[in-house]
Protein backbone atom coordinates (compact mmCIF):
# COMPACT_ATOMS: atom_id res chain seq x y z
CA MET A 1 91.15 157.14 73.77
CA VAL A 2 90.35 154.63 71.04
CA LEU A 3 86.94 156.18 70.31
CA VAL A 4 88.45 159.62 69.66
CA ALA A 5 90.89 158.10 67.19
CA TYR A 6 88.04 156.55 65.20
CA LEU A 7 85.90 159.68 65.34
CA HIS A 8 88.62 161.80 63.69
CA PRO A 9 88.03 162.82 61.03
CA VAL A 10 84.24 162.57 61.23
CA GLU A 11 83.78 162.47 57.47
CA GLY A 12 86.19 159.55 57.31
CA SER A 13 84.24 157.73 60.01
CA LEU A 14 81.04 158.13 58.00
CA SER A 15 82.47 157.16 54.63
CA GLN A 16 84.23 154.00 55.79
CA PRO A 17 81.70 151.36 56.91
CA GLN A 18 84.10 149.61 59.28
CA TYR A 19 84.91 152.84 61.15
CA PHE A 20 81.26 153.91 61.16
CA SER A 21 80.18 150.61 62.74
CA ILE A 22 82.93 150.79 65.36
CA CYS A 23 82.00 154.36 66.33
CA VAL A 24 78.31 153.52 66.60
CA ARG A 25 79.11 150.41 68.64
CA PHE A 26 81.25 152.43 71.06
CA LEU A 27 78.67 155.20 71.39
CA SER A 28 75.84 152.70 71.88
CA GLN A 29 77.29 151.73 75.27
CA PRO A 30 77.18 153.90 78.41
CA LEU A 31 80.47 155.67 79.06
CA PRO A 32 82.44 154.68 82.15
CA GLU A 33 81.73 156.90 85.13
CA LEU A 34 83.64 160.21 85.09
CA LEU A 35 84.65 159.75 81.46
CA PRO A 36 83.32 162.69 79.42
CA LEU A 37 81.82 162.29 75.98
CA PRO A 38 84.38 163.43 73.38
CA ALA A 39 83.43 166.66 71.63
CA SER A 40 83.87 164.89 68.30
CA ALA A 41 81.03 162.52 69.26
CA GLN A 42 78.56 165.40 69.00
CA THR A 43 79.71 166.19 65.46
CA PHE A 44 79.56 162.51 64.52
CA PHE A 45 76.05 162.15 65.95
CA ILE A 46 74.75 165.20 64.08
CA HIS A 47 76.27 164.02 60.80
CA VAL A 48 74.70 160.57 61.21
CA PHE A 49 71.34 162.18 61.92
CA GLU A 50 71.64 164.45 58.88
CA LYS A 51 72.20 161.38 56.70
CA ALA A 52 69.19 159.68 58.27
CA VAL A 53 67.00 162.72 57.55
CA LYS A 54 67.84 162.42 53.84
CA SER A 55 66.91 158.73 53.74
CA PRO A 56 64.85 157.67 56.79
CA SER A 57 64.86 153.93 57.47
CA VAL A 58 65.48 151.51 60.30
CA SER A 59 69.09 151.14 59.14
CA THR A 60 69.74 154.90 59.20
CA LEU A 61 67.74 155.78 62.33
CA GLY A 62 68.78 152.66 64.23
CA PRO A 63 72.25 154.08 65.04
CA ILE A 64 70.63 157.29 66.32
CA HIS A 65 68.42 155.31 68.69
CA SER A 66 71.34 153.14 69.82
CA MET A 67 73.59 156.14 70.54
CA LEU A 68 70.87 158.03 72.43
CA ASN A 69 70.32 154.87 74.45
CA GLY A 70 74.04 154.66 75.20
CA ALA A 71 76.87 157.16 75.53
CA CYS A 72 74.88 159.98 73.90
CA GLN A 73 71.90 159.80 76.24
CA GLU A 74 72.56 163.33 77.53
CA LEU A 75 73.96 164.77 74.33
CA LEU A 76 70.72 166.44 73.22
CA GLY A 77 70.65 168.38 76.47
CA ILE A 78 73.95 170.09 75.71
CA LEU A 79 73.40 170.87 72.04
CA PRO A 80 73.23 174.54 71.03
CA ASN A 81 69.61 175.66 71.15
CA ASN A 82 69.27 176.09 67.37
CA THR A 83 70.77 172.65 66.75
CA ARG A 84 68.41 171.05 69.26
CA ILE A 85 65.41 172.79 67.73
CA ASP A 86 66.46 171.59 64.27
CA PHE A 87 66.85 168.03 65.59
CA ASP A 88 63.32 168.05 67.02
CA ASP A 89 61.94 169.68 63.87
CA GLN A 90 63.47 167.02 61.61
CA LEU A 91 62.46 164.16 63.91
CA CYS A 92 58.87 165.37 63.87
CA ARG A 93 58.94 165.64 60.08
CA ILE A 94 60.15 162.05 59.78
CA LEU A 95 57.51 160.89 62.27
CA LEU A 96 54.74 162.48 60.21
CA SER A 97 56.16 161.48 56.82
CA ASN A 98 54.56 158.98 54.47
CA SER A 99 57.65 156.80 54.88
CA ALA A 100 57.07 156.37 58.61
CA GLN A 101 53.31 155.95 58.27
CA GLN A 102 53.83 153.17 55.71
CA ASP A 103 56.73 151.40 57.46
CA SER A 104 55.76 149.90 60.81
CA MET A 105 59.33 149.27 61.93
CA LEU A 106 60.50 152.76 60.97
CA LEU A 107 57.56 154.16 62.93
CA LEU A 108 58.62 152.23 66.03
CA TRP A 109 62.14 153.60 65.77
CA CYS A 110 60.71 157.12 65.49
CA PHE A 111 58.70 156.45 68.66
CA GLY A 112 61.84 155.23 70.42
CA ILE A 113 63.92 158.25 69.44
CA ALA A 114 61.08 160.59 70.41
CA LEU A 115 60.97 159.05 73.90
CA LEU A 116 64.75 159.25 74.32
CA ALA A 117 64.77 162.86 73.08
CA GLU A 118 61.99 163.72 75.52
CA ASN A 119 63.92 162.20 78.40
CA SER A 120 67.19 163.94 77.54
CA SER A 121 68.15 166.02 80.55
CA ASP A 122 68.50 169.80 80.77
CA VAL A 123 66.56 170.64 77.66
CA GLY A 124 66.48 174.28 78.73
CA THR A 125 64.15 176.47 76.70
CA PRO A 126 60.93 174.53 75.95
CA VAL A 127 61.87 172.70 72.78
CA GLY A 128 59.74 173.49 69.77
CA SER A 129 58.66 176.89 71.09
CA ILE A 130 60.70 178.55 68.35
CA LEU A 131 60.27 177.80 64.66
CA GLU A 132 58.05 174.81 65.40
CA PRO A 133 56.75 173.41 62.09
CA ALA A 134 53.06 173.86 61.48
CA SER A 135 52.60 170.11 61.12
CA CYS A 136 53.71 169.66 64.72
CA ALA A 137 51.71 172.51 66.19
CA PRO A 138 49.04 171.48 68.72
CA THR A 139 45.64 170.80 67.22
CA PRO A 140 42.52 172.31 68.86
CA SER A 141 42.18 169.19 71.01
CA GLN A 142 45.80 169.63 72.11
CA GLU A 143 45.67 173.25 73.22
CA HIS A 144 46.50 172.22 76.78
CA PRO A 145 48.86 169.23 76.49
CA GLU A 146 50.43 167.74 79.56
CA PRO A 147 53.34 170.01 80.55
CA LYS A 148 55.72 167.06 80.80
CA TRP A 149 55.73 166.61 77.02
CA ARG A 150 58.25 169.23 75.96
CA THR A 151 59.29 168.11 72.49
CA PRO A 152 57.15 168.41 69.33
CA ALA A 153 57.31 164.68 68.55
CA ALA A 154 56.34 163.63 72.08
CA ARG A 155 53.47 166.11 72.16
CA LYS A 156 52.25 164.73 68.84
CA LEU A 157 52.34 161.19 70.24
CA PHE A 158 51.15 161.74 73.80
CA GLY A 159 49.84 165.30 74.14
CA SER A 160 46.14 164.41 74.32
CA ALA A 161 43.90 161.42 74.95
CA LYS A 162 43.10 161.27 71.23
CA SER A 163 46.77 161.26 70.23
CA GLN A 164 47.55 158.60 72.83
CA MET A 165 44.79 156.37 71.46
CA LYS A 166 46.22 156.77 67.96
CA THR A 167 49.76 156.09 69.17
CA LEU A 168 48.60 152.96 71.00
CA THR A 169 46.80 151.73 67.89
CA MET A 170 49.83 152.34 65.65
CA THR A 171 52.11 150.67 68.20
CA VAL A 172 50.00 147.51 68.33
CA LEU A 173 49.79 147.41 64.53
CA SER A 174 53.58 147.70 64.38
CA VAL A 175 54.03 144.86 66.87
CA ILE A 176 51.72 142.68 64.78
CA TRP A 177 53.88 143.43 61.75
CA ALA A 178 57.09 142.67 63.67
CA CYS A 179 55.67 139.28 64.71
CA LYS A 180 54.16 138.45 61.34
CA GLY A 181 57.12 136.58 59.88
CA GLU A 182 58.14 136.38 56.22
CA VAL A 183 57.99 140.17 55.80
CA GLY A 184 61.72 140.84 55.87
CA VAL A 185 61.95 141.79 59.56
CA SER A 186 64.92 140.13 61.24
CA ASN A 187 64.52 138.65 64.70
CA ALA A 188 66.97 141.24 66.06
CA ASP A 189 64.94 144.12 64.62
CA ALA A 190 61.69 142.55 65.82
CA ILE A 191 63.05 142.21 69.36
CA GLU A 192 64.35 145.78 69.48
CA GLY A 193 61.18 147.13 67.87
CA ILE A 194 59.00 145.37 70.43
CA ARG A 195 61.16 146.72 73.26
CA ILE A 196 60.50 150.20 71.90
CA ALA A 197 56.79 149.36 71.69
CA VAL A 198 56.78 148.35 75.37
CA LYS A 199 58.30 151.70 76.38
CA THR A 200 55.88 153.56 74.12
CA ILE A 201 52.87 151.85 75.67
CA GLN A 202 54.23 152.49 79.17
CA ALA A 203 54.22 156.23 78.36
CA ILE A 204 50.48 156.12 77.65
CA ASP A 205 47.94 156.86 80.37
CA PRO A 206 47.06 153.62 82.24
CA GLU A 207 43.33 154.21 81.86
CA ILE A 208 43.68 154.53 78.08
CA ARG A 209 45.73 151.33 78.01
CA ARG A 210 43.09 149.55 80.06
CA THR A 211 40.11 150.58 77.94
CA TRP A 212 41.72 150.46 74.50
CA PRO A 213 41.10 146.75 73.65
CA ALA A 214 37.33 147.27 74.00
CA SER A 215 37.24 150.80 72.55
CA SER A 216 36.19 149.72 69.04
CA ALA A 217 35.64 146.71 66.82
CA PHE A 218 38.93 147.54 65.10
CA ALA A 219 40.82 147.54 68.41
CA LYS A 220 39.22 144.21 69.36
CA SER A 221 40.26 142.64 66.06
CA MET A 222 43.82 143.95 66.43
CA PHE A 223 44.03 142.59 69.97
CA ARG A 224 43.00 139.13 68.71
CA LYS A 225 45.38 139.35 65.77
CA ALA A 226 48.28 140.29 68.05
CA ILE A 227 47.63 137.18 70.14
CA GLU A 228 47.47 135.03 66.99
CA LYS A 229 50.82 136.36 65.74
CA VAL A 230 52.50 135.79 69.09
CA LEU A 231 51.28 132.18 69.16
CA ARG A 232 52.00 131.38 65.51
CA ASP A 233 54.19 128.44 64.59
CA GLY A 234 57.79 129.33 63.88
CA ILE A 235 57.98 132.56 65.87
CA HIS A 236 61.37 132.98 67.53
CA PRO A 237 61.16 132.37 71.30
CA SER A 238 63.03 135.62 72.03
CA VAL A 239 60.51 137.60 69.97
CA GLN A 240 57.66 135.85 71.74
CA LEU A 241 59.21 136.65 75.13
CA GLU A 242 59.45 140.36 74.33
CA VAL A 243 55.82 140.51 73.23
CA ARG A 244 54.71 139.00 76.53
CA LYS A 245 56.20 142.04 78.27
CA LEU A 246 53.48 144.17 76.67
CA ASN A 247 51.13 142.88 79.36
CA THR A 248 53.43 143.80 82.25
């Protein structure tokens, strides 16, 4: 199998940009039916994530999102328990970091990975129940989060009405930034970021989505600003098309 050849050795795949890109491209596509994921793909994925943890950015977390959206969509479900717990721990730390809070696009990618991690099948033991970092522990208003949110990052984003309101606000702000233009966001990143935003908003309670635009003066102003950015001169039609899906 060509993929296996590129994945060995893993360190070589990571150190040589051309091999790294090929491996990520392969693993970003669903595997053909009945074709198992090579064992070396798990090692490659973990190494890529470890590098992203050291320097979180769209460029380092993007491959993680792409692989979880492709051939590695069920990989998290078969990781050893300690490895899975560490993955969720580190993802939550990145999500709550100053880097993510100050970088709208990085925040969207964190949201996307959190959703994919939550949807990974056969999680087994409730993730985060062991060694869960204090920063991800439920707050008093989250003592009884919805049972469906099993991972620390997802519970932080969607575990209560208050957290969902905050997540919705941050998502809209990030979409505004992606549509702003002249801020260094490529059209490709803007399109993918908005797709993540759509999925994030779809995970929020419909009633919260319905009432959010009128929930505060700040929300009203953001809603107007989002419309302005979508209608601005020079916006790429593909970006504009993705934003329109936010209303569907």
